[in-house]
Structure formats: C-alpha cells, structure tokens
Amino acid sequence: MTAAIRQRCRELLPAGENIHYVFPVSLVGSGGVANFMILVSDRFITVLATKVFSRYEPAAVWATHPRNTRLGPVEFAAGPRIKLGGTVFEVDEEYVAVVGAADTEAFSPGDLPRDPLPDL
C-alpha cells in the first residue's frame, strides 16, 4: 500500500494506533463490487469500507475486532478466503502471506524472523 493510502487509513483509527498490516479484500458473493480493506494495528483488526469507485480508498470503519482475533486460516476451496467476525472475504493471492504474518505476529511472535535492520 502506498504512503497516501496508509495515511488515509490512519485517519480512521483511534489516536496512537500504529498500522502493522493493511490489505484489500472483497465481500464473498459480491462480484468484487463490495470492497474493503483490513487493517491490523496495535490493538485492533479494523475492517474499512472503501469508496464506491476505488478499492484502495478507505471511507469509513465498517467493523472492529480485538487484535487477538485470528484472520486465518486462509481457505482455498473457491479462491483464497478468510472469515472475520462471521463475514467471509476474498483475499488476493498476493496478500495471503500478509494474513499469515499478521496471525504469526499475534499468536507466535517467536516464529517471525529477526529484523535485519532494526535501527531503521
């Protein structure tokens, strides 16, 4: 995600929240017309509704879940999908690794690789 998109996402979060991950998703069965962004921050997983004609332009907070909510596992039966709060979202394949990284960070942080450049 670009810096401009991350800034727009940040504006919809509570003050002081840091963005860890953000990726686009579509509501299953919507034909790709109901787009959202999932944003993982320090304390929350936030589902952001996007503007009608822009998949990457967040417009409003649609749902909020505690950070200890799992995003995965990703189901692949009919394309990559995740279930969050009872809602099923389609995930682009390029973001499947992001789902895994977000869950690993929350539930198995010792499994993440060390930061090769911690001073940056």
N, C-alpha and C. Protein backbone atom coordinates (compact mmCIF):
# COMPACT_ATOMS: atom_id res chain seq x y z
N MET A 1 0.84 -1.18 0.00
CA MET A 1 0.00 0.00 0.00
C MET A 1 0.89 1.25 0.00
N THR A 2 0.43 2.26 -0.67
CA THR A 2 1.20 3.49 -0.75
C THR A 2 1.12 4.27 0.57
N ALA A 3 2.03 5.20 0.73
CA ALA A 3 2.03 6.04 1.92
C ALA A 3 0.74 6.86 2.03
N ALA A 4 0.23 7.30 0.90
CA ALA A 4 -1.01 8.10 0.91
C ALA A 4 -2.20 7.26 1.39
N ILE A 5 -2.28 6.02 0.94
CA ILE A 5 -3.37 5.13 1.38
C ILE A 5 -3.23 4.83 2.87
N ARG A 6 -2.01 4.54 3.30
CA ARG A 6 -1.78 4.27 4.73
C ARG A 6 -2.16 5.49 5.57
N GLN A 7 -1.89 6.68 5.09
CA GLN A 7 -2.25 7.89 5.82
C GLN A 7 -3.77 8.03 5.93
N ARG A 8 -4.49 7.74 4.85
CA ARG A 8 -5.96 7.79 4.88
C ARG A 8 -6.51 6.76 5.86
N CYS A 9 -5.89 5.59 5.88
CA CYS A 9 -6.30 4.55 6.84
C CYS A 9 -6.04 5.01 8.27
N ARG A 10 -4.88 5.59 8.50
CA ARG A 10 -4.51 6.06 9.83
C ARG A 10 -5.51 7.08 10.37
N GLU A 11 -6.04 7.90 9.49
CA GLU A 11 -7.01 8.93 9.90
C GLU A 11 -8.30 8.32 10.43
N LEU A 12 -8.58 7.07 10.10
CA LEU A 12 -9.80 6.40 10.57
C LEU A 12 -9.58 5.59 11.85
N LEU A 13 -8.35 5.54 12.32
CA LEU A 13 -8.03 4.78 13.53
C LEU A 13 -8.05 5.68 14.76
N PRO A 14 -8.20 5.06 15.94
CA PRO A 14 -8.05 5.84 17.17
C PRO A 14 -6.63 6.43 17.25
N ALA A 15 -6.51 7.55 17.91
CA ALA A 15 -5.21 8.21 18.05
C ALA A 15 -4.20 7.26 18.69
N GLY A 16 -2.99 7.28 18.16
CA GLY A 16 -1.92 6.50 18.73
C GLY A 16 -1.80 5.08 18.20
N GLU A 17 -2.75 4.62 17.39
CA GLU A 17 -2.66 3.26 16.83
C GLU A 17 -1.64 3.25 15.70
N ASN A 18 -0.81 2.22 15.68
CA ASN A 18 0.18 2.04 14.62
C ASN A 18 -0.28 0.95 13.66
N ILE A 19 -0.15 1.20 12.39
CA ILE A 19 -0.53 0.22 11.38
C ILE A 19 0.58 -0.81 11.25
N HIS A 20 0.20 -2.08 11.36
CA HIS A 20 1.15 -3.18 11.15
C HIS A 20 0.97 -3.77 9.76
N TYR A 21 -0.28 -4.01 9.37
CA TYR A 21 -0.59 -4.59 8.06
C TYR A 21 -1.87 -3.96 7.54
N VAL A 22 -1.96 -3.84 6.22
CA VAL A 22 -3.19 -3.39 5.58
C VAL A 22 -3.27 -4.06 4.20
N PHE A 23 -4.46 -4.60 3.88
CA PHE A 23 -4.61 -5.25 2.59
C PHE A 23 -6.07 -5.20 2.15
N PRO A 24 -6.31 -5.19 0.83
CA PRO A 24 -7.67 -5.12 0.30
C PRO A 24 -8.33 -6.50 0.30
N VAL A 25 -9.64 -6.51 0.45
CA VAL A 25 -10.45 -7.73 0.36
C VAL A 25 -11.77 -7.36 -0.30
N SER A 26 -12.49 -8.40 -0.75
CA SER A 26 -13.83 -8.21 -1.32
C SER A 26 -14.79 -9.10 -0.56
N LEU A 27 -16.00 -8.66 -0.42
CA LEU A 27 -17.04 -9.45 0.22
C LEU A 27 -17.39 -10.62 -0.70
N VAL A 28 -17.38 -11.83 -0.17
CA VAL A 28 -17.68 -13.01 -0.97
C VAL A 28 -19.11 -12.90 -1.51
N GLY A 29 -19.25 -13.22 -2.79
CA GLY A 29 -20.56 -13.19 -3.42
C GLY A 29 -20.96 -11.83 -3.96
N SER A 30 -20.08 -10.85 -3.81
CA SER A 30 -20.43 -9.50 -4.27
C SER A 30 -19.98 -9.24 -5.70
N GLY A 31 -19.29 -10.20 -6.30
CA GLY A 31 -18.78 -9.98 -7.65
C GLY A 31 -17.69 -8.93 -7.69
N GLY A 32 -17.03 -8.72 -6.55
CA GLY A 32 -15.94 -7.74 -6.48
C GLY A 32 -16.41 -6.31 -6.37
N VAL A 33 -17.71 -6.09 -6.15
CA VAL A 33 -18.19 -4.71 -6.08
C VAL A 33 -18.25 -4.18 -4.65
N ALA A 34 -18.17 -5.06 -3.66
CA ALA A 34 -18.17 -4.63 -2.27
C ALA A 34 -16.75 -4.81 -1.73
N ASN A 35 -15.99 -3.75 -1.81
CA ASN A 35 -14.58 -3.81 -1.44
C ASN A 35 -14.34 -3.21 -0.06
N PHE A 36 -13.37 -3.77 0.61
CA PHE A 36 -12.99 -3.35 1.95
C PHE A 36 -11.48 -3.43 2.07
N MET A 37 -10.97 -2.89 3.14
CA MET A 37 -9.56 -3.05 3.49
C MET A 37 -9.51 -3.57 4.92
N ILE A 38 -8.63 -4.50 5.15
CA ILE A 38 -8.42 -4.98 6.51
C ILE A 38 -7.13 -4.36 7.01
N LEU A 39 -7.23 -3.73 8.14
CA LEU A 39 -6.10 -3.03 8.74
C LEU A 39 -5.82 -3.64 10.10
N VAL A 40 -4.59 -4.07 10.29
CA VAL A 40 -4.16 -4.65 11.57
C VAL A 40 -3.28 -3.62 12.26
N SER A 41 -3.68 -3.23 13.46
CA SER A 41 -2.92 -2.24 14.23
C SER A 41 -2.52 -2.83 15.58
N ASP A 42 -2.05 -1.99 16.46
CA ASP A 42 -1.58 -2.45 17.77
C ASP A 42 -2.64 -3.21 18.56
N ARG A 43 -3.86 -2.66 18.62
CA ARG A 43 -4.90 -3.23 19.48
C ARG A 43 -6.12 -3.76 18.74
N PHE A 44 -6.20 -3.52 17.43
CA PHE A 44 -7.42 -3.86 16.71
C PHE A 44 -7.14 -4.46 15.34
N ILE A 45 -8.14 -5.18 14.84
CA ILE A 45 -8.25 -5.51 13.42
C ILE A 45 -9.47 -4.73 12.97
N THR A 46 -9.26 -3.82 12.05
CA THR A 46 -10.32 -2.93 11.62
C THR A 46 -10.66 -3.20 10.16
N VAL A 47 -11.94 -3.35 9.87
CA VAL A 47 -12.40 -3.52 8.50
C VAL A 47 -12.88 -2.15 8.04
N LEU A 48 -12.26 -1.66 6.98
CA LEU A 48 -12.59 -0.34 6.44
C LEU A 48 -13.38 -0.49 5.14
N ALA A 49 -14.52 0.15 5.06
CA ALA A 49 -15.25 0.21 3.79
C ALA A 49 -14.51 1.17 2.88
N THR A 50 -14.50 0.87 1.59
CA THR A 50 -13.82 1.75 0.65
C THR A 50 -14.84 2.55 -0.14
N LYS A 51 -14.35 3.56 -0.83
CA LYS A 51 -15.22 4.36 -1.68
C LYS A 51 -15.74 3.49 -2.83
N VAL A 52 -16.87 3.84 -3.36
CA VAL A 52 -17.55 3.02 -4.37
C VAL A 52 -16.67 2.72 -5.58
N PHE A 53 -15.97 3.70 -6.09
CA PHE A 53 -15.21 3.51 -7.31
C PHE A 53 -13.71 3.33 -7.08
N SER A 54 -13.31 3.11 -5.83
CA SER A 54 -11.89 2.94 -5.55
C SER A 54 -11.68 1.88 -4.49
N ARG A 55 -11.12 0.77 -4.89
CA ARG A 55 -10.85 -0.34 -3.99
C ARG A 55 -9.82 0.04 -2.92
N TYR A 56 -9.00 1.02 -3.21
CA TYR A 56 -7.90 1.37 -2.32
C TYR A 56 -8.09 2.69 -1.59
N GLU A 57 -9.31 3.19 -1.55
CA GLU A 57 -9.53 4.46 -0.87
C GLU A 57 -10.52 4.25 0.29
N PRO A 58 -9.98 4.13 1.51
CA PRO A 58 -10.87 3.88 2.66
C PRO A 58 -11.80 5.05 2.91
N ALA A 59 -13.05 4.71 3.28
CA ALA A 59 -14.05 5.75 3.50
C ALA A 59 -14.57 5.77 4.94
N ALA A 60 -14.70 4.59 5.57
CA ALA A 60 -15.29 4.54 6.91
C ALA A 60 -14.96 3.22 7.58
N VAL A 61 -15.03 3.21 8.89
CA VAL A 61 -14.85 1.98 9.65
C VAL A 61 -16.14 1.17 9.54
N TRP A 62 -16.01 -0.07 9.08
CA TRP A 62 -17.16 -0.96 8.91
C TRP A 62 -17.31 -1.89 10.10
N ALA A 63 -16.17 -2.37 10.65
CA ALA A 63 -16.20 -3.26 11.81
C ALA A 63 -14.85 -3.21 12.50
N THR A 64 -14.86 -3.50 13.79
CA THR A 64 -13.63 -3.55 14.57
C THR A 64 -13.62 -4.82 15.40
N HIS A 65 -12.47 -5.47 15.44
CA HIS A 65 -12.29 -6.69 16.20
C HIS A 65 -11.05 -6.53 17.07
N PRO A 66 -11.00 -7.22 18.21
CA PRO A 66 -9.79 -7.15 19.03
C PRO A 66 -8.60 -7.75 18.29
N ARG A 67 -7.42 -7.30 18.62
CA ARG A 67 -6.21 -7.76 17.94
C ARG A 67 -5.99 -9.26 18.11
N ASN A 68 -6.53 -9.85 19.16
CA ASN A 68 -6.31 -11.29 19.35
C ASN A 68 -7.30 -12.13 18.54
N THR A 69 -7.90 -11.55 17.52
CA THR A 69 -8.77 -12.26 16.58
C THR A 69 -7.91 -12.82 15.45
N ARG A 70 -8.09 -14.08 15.16
CA ARG A 70 -7.34 -14.68 14.04
C ARG A 70 -7.95 -14.29 12.71
N LEU A 71 -7.08 -14.02 11.73
CA LEU A 71 -7.51 -13.76 10.37
C LEU A 71 -7.60 -15.06 9.57
N GLY A 72 -6.71 -15.98 9.85
CA GLY A 72 -6.66 -17.25 9.13
C GLY A 72 -7.36 -18.33 9.90
N PRO A 73 -7.31 -19.53 9.40
CA PRO A 73 -6.55 -19.93 8.21
C PRO A 73 -7.24 -19.46 6.92
N VAL A 74 -6.43 -19.33 5.90
CA VAL A 74 -6.95 -18.97 4.58
C VAL A 74 -7.50 -20.25 3.96
N GLU A 75 -8.73 -20.18 3.50
CA GLU A 75 -9.37 -21.30 2.80
C GLU A 75 -9.17 -21.11 1.30
N PHE A 76 -8.85 -22.19 0.60
CA PHE A 76 -8.55 -22.08 -0.84
C PHE A 76 -9.55 -22.82 -1.73
N ALA A 77 -10.63 -23.37 -1.18
CA ALA A 77 -11.55 -24.18 -1.97
C ALA A 77 -12.10 -23.43 -3.18
N ALA A 78 -12.46 -22.19 -3.02
CA ALA A 78 -13.01 -21.39 -4.12
C ALA A 78 -12.23 -20.08 -4.26
N GLY A 79 -10.92 -20.15 -4.13
CA GLY A 79 -10.08 -18.96 -4.12
C GLY A 79 -9.77 -18.59 -2.69
N PRO A 80 -8.70 -17.83 -2.47
CA PRO A 80 -8.31 -17.50 -1.10
C PRO A 80 -9.39 -16.70 -0.37
N ARG A 81 -9.80 -17.21 0.79
CA ARG A 81 -10.84 -16.55 1.58
C ARG A 81 -10.49 -16.62 3.06
N ILE A 82 -10.93 -15.60 3.78
CA ILE A 82 -10.81 -15.60 5.23
C ILE A 82 -12.18 -15.29 5.82
N LYS A 83 -12.37 -15.71 7.04
CA LYS A 83 -13.62 -15.42 7.74
C LYS A 83 -13.27 -14.55 8.94
N LEU A 84 -13.91 -13.41 9.03
CA LEU A 84 -13.64 -12.46 10.11
C LEU A 84 -14.97 -11.98 10.67
N GLY A 85 -15.22 -12.30 11.92
CA GLY A 85 -16.47 -11.88 12.56
C GLY A 85 -17.71 -12.41 11.86
N GLY A 86 -17.63 -13.61 11.31
CA GLY A 86 -18.77 -14.19 10.63
C GLY A 86 -18.93 -13.78 9.18
N THR A 87 -18.09 -12.89 8.70
CA THR A 87 -18.15 -12.43 7.32
C THR A 87 -17.00 -13.05 6.55
N VAL A 88 -17.29 -13.55 5.35
CA VAL A 88 -16.27 -14.17 4.52
C VAL A 88 -15.80 -13.17 3.47
N PHE A 89 -14.49 -13.01 3.40
CA PHE A 89 -13.87 -12.08 2.45
C PHE A 89 -12.95 -12.83 1.50
N GLU A 90 -12.92 -12.39 0.26
CA GLU A 90 -11.96 -12.90 -0.72
C GLU A 90 -10.68 -12.08 -0.59
N VAL A 91 -9.56 -12.78 -0.61
CA VAL A 91 -8.25 -12.15 -0.48
C VAL A 91 -7.47 -12.41 -1.77
N ASP A 92 -6.85 -11.40 -2.33
CA ASP A 92 -5.97 -11.62 -3.48
C ASP A 92 -4.81 -12.50 -3.04
N GLU A 93 -4.37 -13.38 -3.93
CA GLU A 93 -3.29 -14.31 -3.59
C GLU A 93 -2.04 -13.59 -3.08
N GLU A 94 -1.77 -12.42 -3.61
CA GLU A 94 -0.56 -11.71 -3.20
C GLU A 94 -0.60 -11.29 -1.73
N TYR A 95 -1.78 -11.30 -1.10
CA TYR A 95 -1.90 -10.89 0.30
C TYR A 95 -2.06 -12.06 1.27
N VAL A 96 -2.05 -13.29 0.77
CA VAL A 96 -2.17 -14.46 1.64
C VAL A 96 -1.03 -14.49 2.66
N ALA A 97 0.17 -14.15 2.24
CA ALA A 97 1.31 -14.12 3.16
C ALA A 97 1.13 -13.07 4.25
N VAL A 98 0.46 -11.98 3.94
CA VAL A 98 0.20 -10.93 4.92
C VAL A 98 -0.72 -11.46 6.01
N VAL A 99 -1.74 -12.23 5.63
CA VAL A 99 -2.65 -12.83 6.60
C VAL A 99 -1.85 -13.72 7.55
N GLY A 100 -0.98 -14.55 6.99
CA GLY A 100 -0.14 -15.43 7.82
C GLY A 100 0.79 -14.66 8.72
N ALA A 101 1.39 -13.60 8.22
CA ALA A 101 2.31 -12.80 9.02
C ALA A 101 1.57 -12.10 10.17
N ALA A 102 0.38 -11.59 9.91
CA ALA A 102 -0.39 -10.93 10.97
C ALA A 102 -0.76 -11.91 12.07
N ASP A 103 -1.19 -13.11 11.70
CA ASP A 103 -1.52 -14.12 12.72
C ASP A 103 -0.27 -14.57 13.47
N THR A 104 0.83 -14.74 12.77
CA THR A 104 2.07 -15.14 13.43
C THR A 104 2.52 -14.08 14.42
N GLU A 105 2.44 -12.83 14.03
CA GLU A 105 2.83 -11.73 14.93
C GLU A 105 2.02 -11.76 16.22
N ALA A 106 0.72 -12.06 16.12
CA ALA A 106 -0.15 -12.03 17.29
C ALA A 106 -0.07 -13.30 18.13
N PHE A 107 0.09 -14.46 17.48
CA PHE A 107 -0.04 -15.72 18.20
C PHE A 107 1.24 -16.52 18.32
N SER A 108 2.24 -16.26 17.50
CA SER A 108 3.52 -16.98 17.57
C SER A 108 4.67 -16.04 17.24
N PRO A 109 4.83 -14.94 17.97
CA PRO A 109 5.84 -13.95 17.58
C PRO A 109 7.25 -14.50 17.53
N GLY A 110 7.54 -15.57 18.26
CA GLY A 110 8.87 -16.17 18.21
C GLY A 110 9.19 -16.82 16.88
N ASP A 111 8.16 -17.05 16.06
CA ASP A 111 8.36 -17.67 14.76
C ASP A 111 8.71 -16.67 13.66
N LEU A 112 8.58 -15.38 13.95
CA LEU A 112 8.93 -14.36 12.96
C LEU A 112 10.44 -14.23 12.85
N PRO A 113 10.94 -13.97 11.64
CA PRO A 113 12.38 -13.75 11.51
C PRO A 113 12.79 -12.44 12.18
N ARG A 114 14.02 -12.38 12.63
CA ARG A 114 14.54 -11.15 13.24
C ARG A 114 14.63 -10.06 12.19
N ASP A 115 14.45 -8.83 12.63
CA ASP A 115 14.57 -7.67 11.75
C ASP A 115 16.05 -7.51 11.38
N PRO A 116 16.40 -7.60 10.09
CA PRO A 116 17.81 -7.48 9.70
C PRO A 116 18.35 -6.05 9.84
N LEU A 117 17.49 -5.06 9.92
CA LEU A 117 17.90 -3.66 10.04
C LEU A 117 17.08 -3.00 11.16
N PRO A 118 17.29 -3.39 12.40
CA PRO A 118 16.44 -2.89 13.49
C PRO A 118 16.58 -1.39 13.77
N ASP A 119 17.64 -0.77 13.30
CA ASP A 119 17.86 0.65 13.60
C ASP A 119 17.26 1.59 12.55
N LEU A 120 16.60 1.05 11.56
CA LEU A 120 15.98 1.92 10.54
C LEU A 120 14.61 2.34 10.94
